[in-house]
Amino acid sequence: MSKLFCNQEVKSYFETVKTSIKEEIKALPENQLLASSEDEIIDYIFSKYEIIPLQIYEDRMFAQHEDTKVTYRAYEYKEVYDGLKFTVRLPFTGNPELWYKTPSTRTTTYPEGSIQSDKEGRGVLVFDVVVMLDQDPNTSNKHIEENLKSIRFYLDKQRGDIERFNNNIKNIAKEAINVRKSKLEKKAAVIDAFKISLRKSAEAPDISLIPVKRKLIKPLPSVPDQH
């Protein structure tokens, strides 16, 4: 297991996405940019770059257990006890990269886990809880709840950051479109002022509208009967 939400500031991740948006608009063929309305381009950019927040499904959470040994150390003293290791699997949807992005609000501690996928390709957060047999039987539940509480906190703060960024995507796209069109207008003015007749290149791209692609999230499997 590794610590979650602590590899990269989420605002740095947003800057990377923002740069990708600007680069894509800058790279659009001129004919396509002029043939598509501003709203069509903005809708395309938003559908492609909207960040889907992580969503966990605690009602689908399940665990496995196995016997283990728990080592207790205090200075030079060491004792080994019988114990149990519970491996908890928590299904989720959203971009797995977000598990490693630090929200603008954080605490001094981070939850732990590893990111895997099931046989259908759906995301699963996995974390272990180890307890000694001599401990209170509810100790494992307390440890699980502590980790889940921390996960919920970070997901909530991260979701707020993501919503604010998503709300700004259209403005980012609009600004980039205006910059690109301004350059095209200046280019057109220079060409119009040119005195010699110009021929259209046979390799000029066809005019076509930009297709809008929507994200598809695989549904979670149905809950198995507990009988």
Protein backbone atom coordinates (compact mmCIF):
# COMPACT_ATOMS: atom_id res chain seq x y z
CA MET A 1 0.00 0.00 0.00
CA SER A 2 1.05 3.59 -0.52
CA LYS A 3 -0.17 6.94 0.72
CA LEU A 4 -2.94 8.49 -1.37
CA PHE A 5 -3.53 12.13 -2.39
CA CYS A 6 0.09 13.18 -1.90
CA ASN A 7 2.05 12.83 -5.19
CA GLN A 8 1.10 16.04 -7.04
CA GLU A 9 -0.83 19.20 -6.24
CA VAL A 10 -4.19 19.06 -8.01
CA LYS A 11 -3.71 22.68 -9.16
CA SER A 12 -0.56 21.56 -11.00
CA TYR A 13 -2.59 18.82 -12.67
CA PHE A 14 -5.17 21.43 -13.71
CA GLU A 15 -2.43 23.52 -15.33
CA THR A 16 -1.42 20.49 -17.41
CA VAL A 17 -5.02 20.05 -18.59
CA LYS A 18 -5.29 23.79 -19.30
CA THR A 19 -2.16 23.64 -21.45
CA SER A 20 -3.57 20.66 -23.38
CA ILE A 21 -6.76 22.60 -24.11
CA LYS A 22 -4.84 25.56 -25.48
CA GLU A 23 -2.56 23.34 -27.55
CA GLU A 24 -5.50 21.47 -29.08
CA ILE A 25 -7.27 24.69 -30.10
CA LYS A 26 -4.01 26.04 -31.46
CA ALA A 27 -3.59 22.89 -33.57
CA LEU A 28 -7.12 22.86 -35.06
CA PRO A 29 -7.03 23.15 -38.88
CA GLU A 30 -7.98 26.66 -39.96
CA ASN A 31 -10.89 25.49 -42.11
CA GLN A 32 -12.30 23.44 -39.26
CA LEU A 33 -11.99 26.31 -36.83
CA LEU A 34 -13.82 28.64 -39.21
CA ALA A 35 -16.48 26.07 -40.16
CA SER A 36 -17.42 25.31 -36.54
CA SER A 37 -19.24 27.76 -34.31
CA GLU A 38 -17.61 28.90 -31.11
CA ASP A 39 -20.21 26.97 -29.08
CA GLU A 40 -19.50 23.77 -31.03
CA ILE A 41 -15.79 24.03 -30.34
CA ILE A 42 -16.35 24.85 -26.68
CA ASP A 43 -18.76 21.91 -26.26
CA TYR A 44 -16.21 19.61 -27.86
CA ILE A 45 -13.41 20.85 -25.60
CA PHE A 46 -15.56 20.59 -22.48
CA SER A 47 -16.72 17.04 -23.29
CA LYS A 48 -13.11 15.97 -23.83
CA TYR A 49 -11.40 17.71 -20.93
CA GLU A 50 -14.06 17.75 -18.21
CA ILE A 51 -12.56 16.01 -15.18
CA ILE A 52 -14.80 13.33 -13.68
CA PRO A 53 -14.35 13.30 -9.87
CA LEU A 54 -13.70 10.05 -8.07
CA GLN A 55 -16.80 8.35 -6.70
CA ILE A 56 -16.56 5.48 -4.21
CA TYR A 57 -19.26 2.87 -3.65
CA GLU A 58 -19.13 1.77 -0.04
CA ASP A 59 -22.28 -0.33 -0.49
CA ARG A 60 -20.30 -2.52 -2.94
CA MET A 61 -17.27 -2.84 -0.67
CA PHE A 62 -16.15 -6.36 0.25
CA ALA A 63 -13.19 -7.99 1.99
CA GLN A 64 -11.20 -11.19 2.33
CA HIS A 65 -9.19 -12.33 5.35
CA GLU A 66 -6.23 -14.55 6.05
CA ASP A 67 -4.21 -15.62 9.07
CA THR A 68 -1.08 -13.62 9.75
CA LYS A 69 1.50 -12.83 12.40
CA VAL A 70 1.69 -9.43 14.05
CA THR A 71 5.05 -8.30 15.41
CA TYR A 72 5.06 -5.89 18.35
CA ARG A 73 8.33 -4.03 19.07
CA ALA A 74 9.24 -1.74 21.94
CA TYR A 75 12.91 -0.77 22.13
CA GLU A 76 14.79 -4.11 22.13
CA TYR A 77 11.69 -6.08 23.09
CA LYS A 78 9.87 -8.01 20.34
CA GLU A 79 6.84 -10.24 20.56
CA VAL A 80 4.95 -12.03 17.77
CA TYR A 81 1.19 -12.54 18.05
CA ASP A 82 -1.42 -14.40 16.03
CA GLY A 83 -3.52 -12.08 13.92
CA LEU A 84 -5.75 -11.56 10.92
CA LYS A 85 -5.24 -9.50 7.79
CA PHE A 86 -8.36 -8.12 6.12
CA THR A 87 -7.96 -7.04 2.49
CA VAL A 88 -10.71 -4.52 1.69
CA ARG A 89 -11.77 -3.80 -1.89
CA LEU A 90 -13.66 -0.59 -2.58
CA PRO A 91 -15.08 -0.05 -6.11
CA PHE A 92 -14.84 3.43 -7.61
CA THR A 93 -15.40 5.36 -10.82
CA GLY A 94 -13.49 8.35 -12.15
CA ASN A 95 -9.93 8.99 -13.28
CA PRO A 96 -7.58 6.71 -11.25
CA GLU A 97 -4.84 9.37 -11.46
CA LEU A 98 -6.87 11.53 -9.08
CA TRP A 99 -6.06 9.19 -6.18
CA TYR A 100 -2.58 10.70 -6.21
CA LYS A 101 -3.54 14.40 -6.56
CA THR A 102 -3.46 16.59 -3.45
CA PRO A 103 -6.46 18.90 -3.01
CA SER A 104 -6.06 22.52 -1.93
CA THR A 105 -7.27 21.59 1.57
CA ARG A 106 -5.53 18.74 3.37
CA THR A 107 -4.60 17.39 6.79
CA THR A 108 -1.26 16.20 8.17
CA THR A 109 -2.15 12.55 7.52
CA TYR A 110 -3.12 10.68 4.36
CA PRO A 111 -5.18 7.52 3.78
CA GLU A 112 -3.50 4.47 2.30
CA GLY A 113 -4.32 2.03 -0.46
CA SER A 114 -3.41 0.73 -3.90
CA ILE A 115 -5.27 1.19 -7.17
CA GLN A 116 -6.26 -1.93 -9.08
CA SER A 117 -8.95 -2.98 -11.53
CA ASP A 118 -11.31 -5.94 -11.59
CA LYS A 119 -11.64 -8.41 -14.48
CA GLU A 120 -14.13 -6.06 -16.16
CA GLY A 121 -11.68 -3.17 -16.05
CA ARG A 122 -13.50 -1.23 -13.33
CA GLY A 123 -11.47 0.59 -10.70
CA VAL A 124 -10.93 -0.86 -7.23
CA LEU A 125 -9.18 0.76 -4.26
CA VAL A 126 -7.53 -1.91 -2.11
CA PHE A 127 -6.27 -1.49 1.45
CA ASP A 128 -5.29 -3.85 4.27
CA VAL A 129 -6.20 -3.89 7.94
CA VAL A 130 -4.16 -6.07 10.31
CA VAL A 131 -5.27 -6.87 13.88
CA MET A 132 -4.20 -9.19 16.66
CA LEU A 133 -6.61 -11.91 17.77
CA ASP A 134 -6.35 -10.72 21.36
CA GLN A 135 -7.58 -7.21 20.50
CA ASP A 136 -11.15 -5.97 20.76
CA PRO A 137 -13.14 -7.74 17.98
CA ASN A 138 -14.26 -4.31 16.70
CA THR A 139 -10.67 -3.08 16.22
CA SER A 140 -10.68 -4.01 12.52
CA ASN A 141 -13.92 -2.09 11.93
CA LYS A 142 -12.47 0.97 13.66
CA HIS A 143 -9.35 0.89 11.46
CA ILE A 144 -11.45 0.52 8.32
CA GLU A 145 -13.69 3.41 9.31
CA GLU A 146 -10.67 5.61 10.07
CA ASN A 147 -9.26 5.02 6.60
CA LEU A 148 -12.66 5.55 4.95
CA LYS A 149 -13.21 8.76 6.91
CA SER A 150 -9.88 10.11 5.65
CA ILE A 151 -10.69 9.02 2.07
CA ARG A 152 -14.09 10.76 2.23
CA PHE A 153 -12.46 13.96 3.47
CA TYR A 154 -9.93 14.09 0.63
CA LEU A 155 -12.48 13.15 -2.02
CA ASP A 156 -14.81 15.91 -0.82
CA LYS A 157 -12.07 18.58 -0.91
CA GLN A 158 -10.77 17.34 -4.26
CA ARG A 159 -14.30 17.33 -5.72
CA GLY A 160 -14.68 21.00 -4.84
CA ASP A 161 -11.40 21.84 -6.62
CA ILE A 162 -12.48 19.83 -9.66
CA GLU A 163 -15.89 21.50 -9.86
CA ARG A 164 -14.27 24.92 -9.84
CA PHE A 165 -11.88 23.90 -12.61
CA ASN A 166 -14.63 22.31 -14.72
CA ASN A 167 -16.67 25.49 -14.41
CA ASN A 168 -13.74 27.38 -15.91
CA ILE A 169 -13.03 25.06 -18.86
CA LYS A 170 -15.39 26.89 -21.21
CA ASN A 171 -13.76 30.22 -20.36
CA ILE A 172 -10.32 28.74 -21.02
CA ALA A 173 -11.51 27.42 -24.38
CA LYS A 174 -13.23 30.68 -25.31
CA GLU A 175 -10.11 32.69 -24.57
CA ALA A 176 -7.94 30.29 -26.60
CA ILE A 177 -10.40 30.45 -29.52
CA ASN A 178 -10.36 34.25 -29.46
CA VAL A 179 -6.56 34.29 -29.48
CA ARG A 180 -6.47 31.84 -32.40
CA LYS A 181 -9.13 33.71 -34.41
CA SER A 182 -7.38 37.02 -33.80
CA LYS A 183 -4.22 35.60 -35.34
CA LEU A 184 -6.21 34.22 -38.29
CA GLU A 185 -7.82 37.61 -38.86
CA LYS A 186 -4.41 39.27 -38.92
CA LYS A 187 -3.17 36.59 -41.30
CA ALA A 188 -6.21 37.11 -43.56
CA ALA A 189 -5.61 40.87 -43.57
CA VAL A 190 -2.03 40.36 -44.73
CA ILE A 191 -3.15 37.94 -47.44
CA ASP A 192 -5.93 40.30 -48.61
CA ALA A 193 -3.40 43.09 -48.92
CA PHE A 194 -1.15 40.93 -51.07
CA LYS A 195 -1.23 42.15 -54.68
CA ILE A 196 -0.57 38.90 -56.55
CA SER A 197 -3.38 36.34 -57.10
CA LEU A 198 -3.14 33.30 -54.81
CA ARG A 199 -4.14 29.72 -55.64
CA LYS A 200 -5.72 27.39 -53.08
CA SER A 201 -3.55 24.41 -52.19
CA ALA A 202 -4.85 21.03 -53.35
CA GLU A 203 -3.88 19.67 -49.93
CA ALA A 204 -6.13 22.04 -47.97
CA PRO A 205 -8.16 20.13 -45.36
CA ASP A 206 -11.88 19.55 -45.84
CA ILE A 207 -14.29 21.64 -43.82
CA SER A 208 -16.06 19.49 -41.23
CA LEU A 209 -17.65 19.99 -37.85
CA ILE A 210 -15.93 18.78 -34.71
CA PRO A 211 -17.59 15.67 -33.26
CA VAL A 212 -18.54 15.94 -29.61
CA LYS A 213 -17.42 12.89 -27.64
CA ARG A 214 -18.91 12.08 -24.25
CA LYS A 215 -17.17 10.11 -21.52
CA LEU A 216 -18.58 6.66 -20.83
CA ILE A 217 -18.22 5.15 -17.37
CA LYS A 218 -18.68 1.40 -17.04
CA PRO A 219 -21.52 0.56 -14.67
CA LEU A 220 -20.78 -1.32 -11.49
CA PRO A 221 -21.83 -4.97 -11.25
CA SER A 222 -25.08 -5.79 -9.50
CA VAL A 223 -24.90 -6.48 -5.77
CA PRO A 224 -24.76 -10.27 -5.12
CA ASP A 225 -27.34 -11.79 -2.82
CA GLN A 226 -26.10 -12.10 0.75
CA HIS A 227 -28.15 -15.27 1.44
